């Protein structure tokens, strides 16, 4: 999620609790305020944040495969 995404604000405390309660987990907050920042067809699209998200997802999938 993005740091200043007002749609995600209510989810952030729960996400932080999950990270604190589970070893080996990470929470990534991307700079900005877009909600659907990884969808290139929408106005919230952020190319650099989406690329970093994709890189992290693929690295995670490689690690658990």
PDB file of N, CA and C in Angstrom:
ATOM      1  N   UNK A   1       0.834  -1.173   0.000  1.00  0.00           N
ATOM      2  CA  UNK A   1       0.000   0.000   0.000  1.00  0.00           C
ATOM      3  C   UNK A   1       0.882   1.240   0.000  1.00  0.00           C
ATOM      4  N   UNK A   2       0.326   2.341  -0.409  1.00  0.00           N
ATOM      5  CA  UNK A   2       1.064   3.597  -0.386  1.00  0.00           C
ATOM      6  C   UNK A   2       0.901   4.268   0.979  1.00  0.00           C
ATOM      7  N   UNK A   3       1.933   4.992   1.359  1.00  0.00           N
ATOM      8  CA  UNK A   3       1.992   5.615   2.683  1.00  0.00           C
ATOM      9  C   UNK A   3       0.782   6.487   3.001  1.00  0.00           C
ATOM     10  N   UNK A   4       0.314   7.230   2.024  1.00  0.00           N
ATOM     11  CA  UNK A   4      -0.752   8.192   2.264  1.00  0.00           C
ATOM     12  C   UNK A   4      -2.057   7.843   1.552  1.00  0.00           C
ATOM     13  N   UNK A   5      -2.268   6.557   1.317  1.00  0.00           N
ATOM     14  CA  UNK A   5      -3.503   6.094   0.685  1.00  0.00           C
ATOM     15  C   UNK A   5      -4.620   6.121   1.719  1.00  0.00           C
ATOM     16  N   UNK A   6      -5.543   7.053   1.588  1.00  0.00           N
ATOM     17  CA  UNK A   6      -6.604   7.172   2.585  1.00  0.00           C
ATOM     18  C   UNK A   6      -7.507   5.944   2.620  1.00  0.00           C
ATOM     19  N   UNK A   7      -7.575   5.191   1.521  1.00  0.00           N
ATOM     20  CA  UNK A   7      -8.392   3.975   1.491  1.00  0.00           C
ATOM     21  C   UNK A   7      -7.754   2.871   2.328  1.00  0.00           C
ATOM     22  N   UNK A   8      -6.446   2.925   2.506  1.00  0.00           N
ATOM     23  CA  UNK A   8      -5.736   1.867   3.228  1.00  0.00           C
ATOM     24  C   UNK A   8      -5.462   2.217   4.688  1.00  0.00           C
ATOM     25  N   UNK A   9      -5.736   3.448   5.083  1.00  0.00           N
ATOM     26  CA  UNK A   9      -5.436   3.884   6.450  1.00  0.00           C
ATOM     27  C   UNK A   9      -6.033   2.959   7.506  1.00  0.00           C
ATOM     28  N   UNK A  10      -7.259   2.520   7.307  1.00  0.00           N
ATOM     29  CA  UNK A  10      -7.883   1.672   8.321  1.00  0.00           C
ATOM     30  C   UNK A  10      -7.260   0.276   8.365  1.00  0.00           C
ATOM     31  N   UNK A  11      -6.599  -0.147   7.281  1.00  0.00           N
ATOM     32  CA  UNK A  11      -5.963  -1.471   7.238  1.00  0.00           C
ATOM     33  C   UNK A  11      -4.539  -1.460   7.794  1.00  0.00           C
ATOM     34  N   UNK A  12      -3.925  -0.299   7.839  1.00  0.00           N
ATOM     35  CA  UNK A  12      -2.518  -0.207   8.233  1.00  0.00           C
ATOM     36  C   UNK A  12      -2.246  -0.714   9.647  1.00  0.00           C
ATOM     37  N   UNK A  13      -3.021  -0.367  10.660  1.00  0.00           N
ATOM     38  CA  UNK A  13      -2.745  -0.905  11.996  1.00  0.00           C
ATOM     39  C   UNK A  13      -2.778  -2.440  12.033  1.00  0.00           C
ATOM     40  N   UNK A  14      -3.744  -3.041  11.365  1.00  0.00           N
ATOM     41  CA  UNK A  14      -3.831  -4.501  11.332  1.00  0.00           C
ATOM     42  C   UNK A  14      -2.634  -5.097  10.593  1.00  0.00           C
ATOM     43  N   UNK A  15      -2.213  -4.457   9.521  1.00  0.00           N
ATOM     44  CA  UNK A  15      -1.044  -4.938   8.779  1.00  0.00           C
ATOM     45  C   UNK A  15       0.208  -4.875   9.648  1.00  0.00           C
ATOM     46  N   UNK A  16       0.356  -3.793  10.386  1.00  0.00           N
ATOM     47  CA  UNK A  16       1.518  -3.662  11.289  1.00  0.00           C
ATOM     48  C   UNK A  16       1.477  -4.716  12.390  1.00  0.00           C
ATOM     49  N   UNK A  17       0.306  -4.998  12.922  1.00  0.00           N
ATOM     50  CA  UNK A  17       0.177  -6.032  13.948  1.00  0.00           C
ATOM     51  C   UNK A  17       0.567  -7.401  13.402  1.00  0.00           C
ATOM     52  N   UNK A  18       0.149  -7.702  12.185  1.00  0.00           N
ATOM     53  CA  UNK A  18       0.512  -8.980  11.572  1.00  0.00           C
ATOM     54  C   UNK A  18       2.024  -9.119  11.423  1.00  0.00           C
ATOM     55  N   UNK A  19       2.669  -8.048  11.012  1.00  0.00           N
ATOM     56  CA  UNK A  19       4.118  -8.072  10.836  1.00  0.00           C
ATOM     57  C   UNK A  19       4.813  -8.283  12.176  1.00  0.00           C
ATOM     58  N   UNK A  20       4.341  -7.582  13.201  1.00  0.00           N
ATOM     59  CA  UNK A  20       4.950  -7.713  14.524  1.00  0.00           C
ATOM     60  C   UNK A  20       4.750  -9.108  15.109  1.00  0.00           C
ATOM     61  N   UNK A  21       3.643  -9.736  14.806  1.00  0.00           N
ATOM     62  CA  UNK A  21       3.303 -11.031  15.390  1.00  0.00           C
ATOM     63  C   UNK A  21       3.909 -12.219  14.643  1.00  0.00           C
ATOM     64  N   UNK A  22       4.438 -11.999  13.463  1.00  0.00           N
ATOM     65  CA  UNK A  22       4.927 -13.104  12.638  1.00  0.00           C
ATOM     66  C   UNK A  22       6.349 -12.857  12.172  1.00  0.00           C
ATOM     67  N   UNK A  23       7.267 -13.707  12.619  1.00  0.00           N
ATOM     68  CA  UNK A  23       8.663 -13.585  12.201  1.00  0.00           C
ATOM     69  C   UNK A  23       8.784 -13.770  10.692  1.00  0.00           C
ATOM     70  N   UNK A  24       9.696 -13.029  10.115  1.00  0.00           N
ATOM     71  CA  UNK A  24       9.981 -13.176   8.693  1.00  0.00           C
ATOM     72  C   UNK A  24       9.021 -12.453   7.769  1.00  0.00           C
ATOM     73  N   UNK A  25       8.124 -11.672   8.333  1.00  0.00           N
ATOM     74  CA  UNK A  25       7.201 -10.922   7.482  1.00  0.00           C
ATOM     75  C   UNK A  25       7.673  -9.482   7.342  1.00  0.00           C
ATOM     76  N   UNK A  26       7.262  -8.861   6.262  1.00  0.00           N
ATOM     77  CA  UNK A  26       7.622  -7.476   5.995  1.00  0.00           C
ATOM     78  C   UNK A  26       6.390  -6.730   5.499  1.00  0.00           C
ATOM     79  N   UNK A  27       6.362  -5.455   5.811  1.00  0.00           N
ATOM     80  CA  UNK A  27       5.324  -4.571   5.304  1.00  0.00           C
ATOM     81  C   UNK A  27       6.006  -3.498   4.477  1.00  0.00           C
ATOM     82  N   UNK A  28       5.621  -3.393   3.238  1.00  0.00           N
ATOM     83  CA  UNK A  28       6.204  -2.395   2.360  1.00  0.00           C
ATOM     84  C   UNK A  28       5.201  -1.268   2.142  1.00  0.00           C
ATOM     85  N   UNK A  29       5.597  -0.071   2.474  1.00  0.00           N
ATOM     86  CA  UNK A  29       4.797   1.116   2.208  1.00  0.00           C
ATOM     87  C   UNK A  29       5.503   1.911   1.119  1.00  0.00           C
ATOM     88  N   UNK A  30       4.786   2.173   0.068  1.00  0.00           N
ATOM     89  CA  UNK A  30       5.350   2.890  -1.069  1.00  0.00           C
ATOM     90  C   UNK A  30       5.024   4.370  -0.938  1.00  0.00           C
ATOM     91  N   UNK A  31       5.943   5.229  -1.358  1.00  0.00           N
ATOM     92  CA  UNK A  31       5.664   6.668  -1.268  1.00  0.00           C
ATOM     93  C   UNK A  31       4.515   7.063  -2.202  1.00  0.00           C
ATOM     94  N   UNK A  32       3.643   7.893  -1.697  1.00  0.00           N
ATOM     95  CA  UNK A  32       2.542   8.374  -2.517  1.00  0.00           C
ATOM     96  C   UNK A  32       1.212   8.196  -1.835  1.00  0.00           C
ATOM     97  N   UNK A  33       0.149   8.469  -2.593  1.00  0.00           N
ATOM     98  CA  UNK A  33      -1.187   8.382  -2.019  1.00  0.00           C
ATOM     99  C   UNK A  33      -2.175   7.645  -2.914  1.00  0.00           C
ATOM    100  N   UNK A  34      -1.687   7.009  -3.955  1.00  0.00           N
ATOM    101  CA  UNK A  34      -2.575   6.276  -4.851  1.00  0.00           C
ATOM    102  C   UNK A  34      -3.066   4.989  -4.222  1.00  0.00           C
ATOM    103  N   UNK A  35      -4.234   4.565  -4.642  1.00  0.00           N
ATOM    104  CA  UNK A  35      -4.792   3.323  -4.093  1.00  0.00           C
ATOM    105  C   UNK A  35      -4.466   2.139  -5.002  1.00  0.00           C
ATOM    106  N   UNK A  36      -4.783   2.251  -6.255  1.00  0.00           N
ATOM    107  CA  UNK A  36      -4.512   1.170  -7.208  1.00  0.00           C
ATOM    108  C   UNK A  36      -3.295   1.538  -8.054  1.00  0.00           C
ATOM    109  N   UNK A  37      -2.174   1.780  -7.377  1.00  0.00           N
ATOM    110  CA  UNK A  37      -0.989   2.321  -8.028  1.00  0.00           C
ATOM    111  C   UNK A  37      -0.303   1.356  -8.979  1.00  0.00           C
ATOM    112  N   UNK A  38      -0.639   0.087  -8.930  1.00  0.00           N
ATOM    113  CA  UNK A  38       0.005  -0.887  -9.804  1.00  0.00           C
ATOM    114  C   UNK A  38      -0.779  -1.149 -11.090  1.00  0.00           C
ATOM    115  N   UNK A  39      -1.925  -0.536 -11.228  1.00  0.00           N
ATOM    116  CA  UNK A  39      -2.779  -0.739 -12.407  1.00  0.00           C
ATOM    117  C   UNK A  39      -2.531   0.376 -13.412  1.00  0.00           C
ATOM    118  N   UNK A  40      -1.830   0.047 -14.482  1.00  0.00           N
ATOM    119  CA  UNK A  40      -1.423   1.056 -15.469  1.00  0.00           C
ATOM    120  C   UNK A  40      -2.598   1.679 -16.226  1.00  0.00           C
ATOM    121  N   UNK A  41      -3.773   1.121 -16.084  1.00  0.00           N
ATOM    122  CA  UNK A  41      -4.930   1.680 -16.795  1.00  0.00           C
ATOM    123  C   UNK A  41      -5.675   2.734 -15.968  1.00  0.00           C
ATOM    124  N   UNK A  42      -5.199   2.995 -14.759  1.00  0.00           N
ATOM    125  CA  UNK A  42      -5.898   3.923 -13.871  1.00  0.00           C
ATOM    126  C   UNK A  42      -5.060   5.153 -13.563  1.00  0.00           C
ATOM    127  N   UNK A  43      -5.695   6.244 -13.171  1.00  0.00           N
ATOM    128  CA  UNK A  43      -4.971   7.491 -12.882  1.00  0.00           C
ATOM    129  C   UNK A  43      -4.003   7.388 -11.697  1.00  0.00           C
ATOM    130  N   UNK A  44      -4.234   6.463 -10.758  1.00  0.00           N
ATOM    131  CA  UNK A  44      -3.339   6.310  -9.604  1.00  0.00           C
ATOM    132  C   UNK A  44      -2.040   5.594  -9.939  1.00  0.00           C
ATOM    133  N   UNK A  45      -1.906   5.115 -11.160  1.00  0.00           N
ATOM    134  CA  UNK A  45      -0.719   4.345 -11.546  1.00  0.00           C
ATOM    135  C   UNK A  45       0.564   5.116 -11.267  1.00  0.00           C
ATOM    136  N   UNK A  46       1.502   4.417 -10.632  1.00  0.00           N
ATOM    137  CA  UNK A  46       2.823   4.969 -10.334  1.00  0.00           C
ATOM    138  C   UNK A  46       3.846   3.970 -10.859  1.00  0.00           C
ATOM    139  N   UNK A  47       4.484   4.314 -11.955  1.00  0.00           N
ATOM    140  CA  UNK A  47       5.368   3.380 -12.649  1.00  0.00           C
ATOM    141  C   UNK A  47       6.490   2.854 -11.761  1.00  0.00           C
ATOM    142  N   UNK A  48       7.164   3.733 -11.033  1.00  0.00           N
ATOM    143  CA  UNK A  48       8.302   3.279 -10.223  1.00  0.00           C
ATOM    144  C   UNK A  48       7.836   2.423  -9.045  1.00  0.00           C
ATOM    145  N   UNK A  49       6.751   2.805  -8.390  1.00  0.00           N
ATOM    146  CA  UNK A  49       6.242   2.000  -7.281  1.00  0.00           C
ATOM    147  C   UNK A  49       5.736   0.650  -7.782  1.00  0.00           C
ATOM    148  N   UNK A  50       5.079   0.641  -8.931  1.00  0.00           N
ATOM    149  CA  UNK A  50       4.580  -0.611  -9.502  1.00  0.00           C
ATOM    150  C   UNK A  50       5.730  -1.535  -9.875  1.00  0.00           C
ATOM    151  N   UNK A  51       6.795  -0.983 -10.406  1.00  0.00           N
ATOM    152  CA  UNK A  51       7.961  -1.799 -10.758  1.00  0.00           C
ATOM    153  C   UNK A  51       8.599  -2.402  -9.516  1.00  0.00           C
ATOM    154  N   UNK A  52       8.700  -1.620  -8.453  1.00  0.00           N
ATOM    155  CA  UNK A  52       9.268  -2.125  -7.205  1.00  0.00           C
ATOM    156  C   UNK A  52       8.364  -3.197  -6.602  1.00  0.00           C
ATOM    157  N   UNK A  53       7.063  -2.987  -6.641  1.00  0.00           N
ATOM    158  CA  UNK A  53       6.109  -3.986  -6.176  1.00  0.00           C
ATOM    159  C   UNK A  53       6.284  -5.293  -6.947  1.00  0.00           C
ATOM    160  N   UNK A  54       6.358  -5.197  -8.260  1.00  0.00           N
ATOM    161  CA  UNK A  54       6.530  -6.395  -9.092  1.00  0.00           C
ATOM    162  C   UNK A  54       7.831  -7.111  -8.747  1.00  0.00           C
ATOM    163  N   UNK A  55       8.899  -6.369  -8.580  1.00  0.00           N
ATOM    164  CA  UNK A  55      10.194  -6.961  -8.216  1.00  0.00           C
ATOM    165  C   UNK A  55      10.082  -7.715  -6.889  1.00  0.00           C
ATOM    166  N   UNK A  56       9.444  -7.099  -5.906  1.00  0.00           N
ATOM    167  CA  UNK A  56       9.315  -7.724  -4.592  1.00  0.00           C
ATOM    168  C   UNK A  56       8.433  -8.966  -4.641  1.00  0.00           C
ATOM    169  N   UNK A  57       7.360  -8.928  -5.395  1.00  0.00           N
ATOM    170  CA  UNK A  57       6.475 -10.087  -5.518  1.00  0.00           C
ATOM    171  C   UNK A  57       7.215 -11.238  -6.189  1.00  0.00           C
ATOM    172  N   UNK A  58       7.928 -10.953  -7.251  1.00  0.00           N
ATOM    173  CA  UNK A  58       8.657 -12.012  -7.955  1.00  0.00           C
ATOM    174  C   UNK A  58       9.767 -12.588  -7.077  1.00  0.00           C
ATOM    175  N   UNK A  59      10.443 -11.757  -6.301  1.00  0.00           N
ATOM    176  CA  UNK A  59      11.475 -12.245  -5.378  1.00  0.00           C
ATOM    177  C   UNK A  59      10.858 -13.146  -4.312  1.00  0.00           C
ATOM    178  N   UNK A  60       9.709 -12.736  -3.801  1.00  0.00           N
ATOM    179  CA  UNK A  60       9.009 -13.563  -2.818  1.00  0.00           C
ATOM    180  C   UNK A  60       8.628 -14.915  -3.412  1.00  0.00           C
ATOM    181  N   UNK A  61       8.079 -14.894  -4.614  1.00  0.00           N
ATOM    182  CA  UNK A  61       7.674 -16.146  -5.257  1.00  0.00           C
ATOM    183  C   UNK A  61       8.869 -17.058  -5.526  1.00  0.00           C
ATOM    184  N   UNK A  62       9.993 -16.483  -5.913  1.00  0.00           N
ATOM    185  CA  UNK A  62      11.212 -17.267  -6.099  1.00  0.00           C
ATOM    186  C   UNK A  62      11.661 -17.901  -4.791  1.00  0.00           C
ATOM    187  N   UNK A  63      11.519 -17.164  -3.699  1.00  0.00           N
ATOM    188  CA  UNK A  63      11.981 -17.641  -2.392  1.00  0.00           C
ATOM    189  C   UNK A  63      11.125 -18.783  -1.851  1.00  0.00           C
ATOM    190  N   UNK A  64       9.850 -18.791  -2.181  1.00  0.00           N
ATOM    191  CA  UNK A  64       8.965 -19.826  -1.632  1.00  0.00           C
ATOM    192  C   UNK A  64       8.730 -20.980  -2.598  1.00  0.00           C
ATOM    193  N   UNK A  65       9.224 -20.862  -3.799  1.00  0.00           N
ATOM    194  CA  UNK A  65       9.000 -21.920  -4.801  1.00  0.00           C
ATOM    195  C   UNK A  65       9.920 -23.105  -4.590  1.00  0.00           C
TER     196      UNK A  65
END
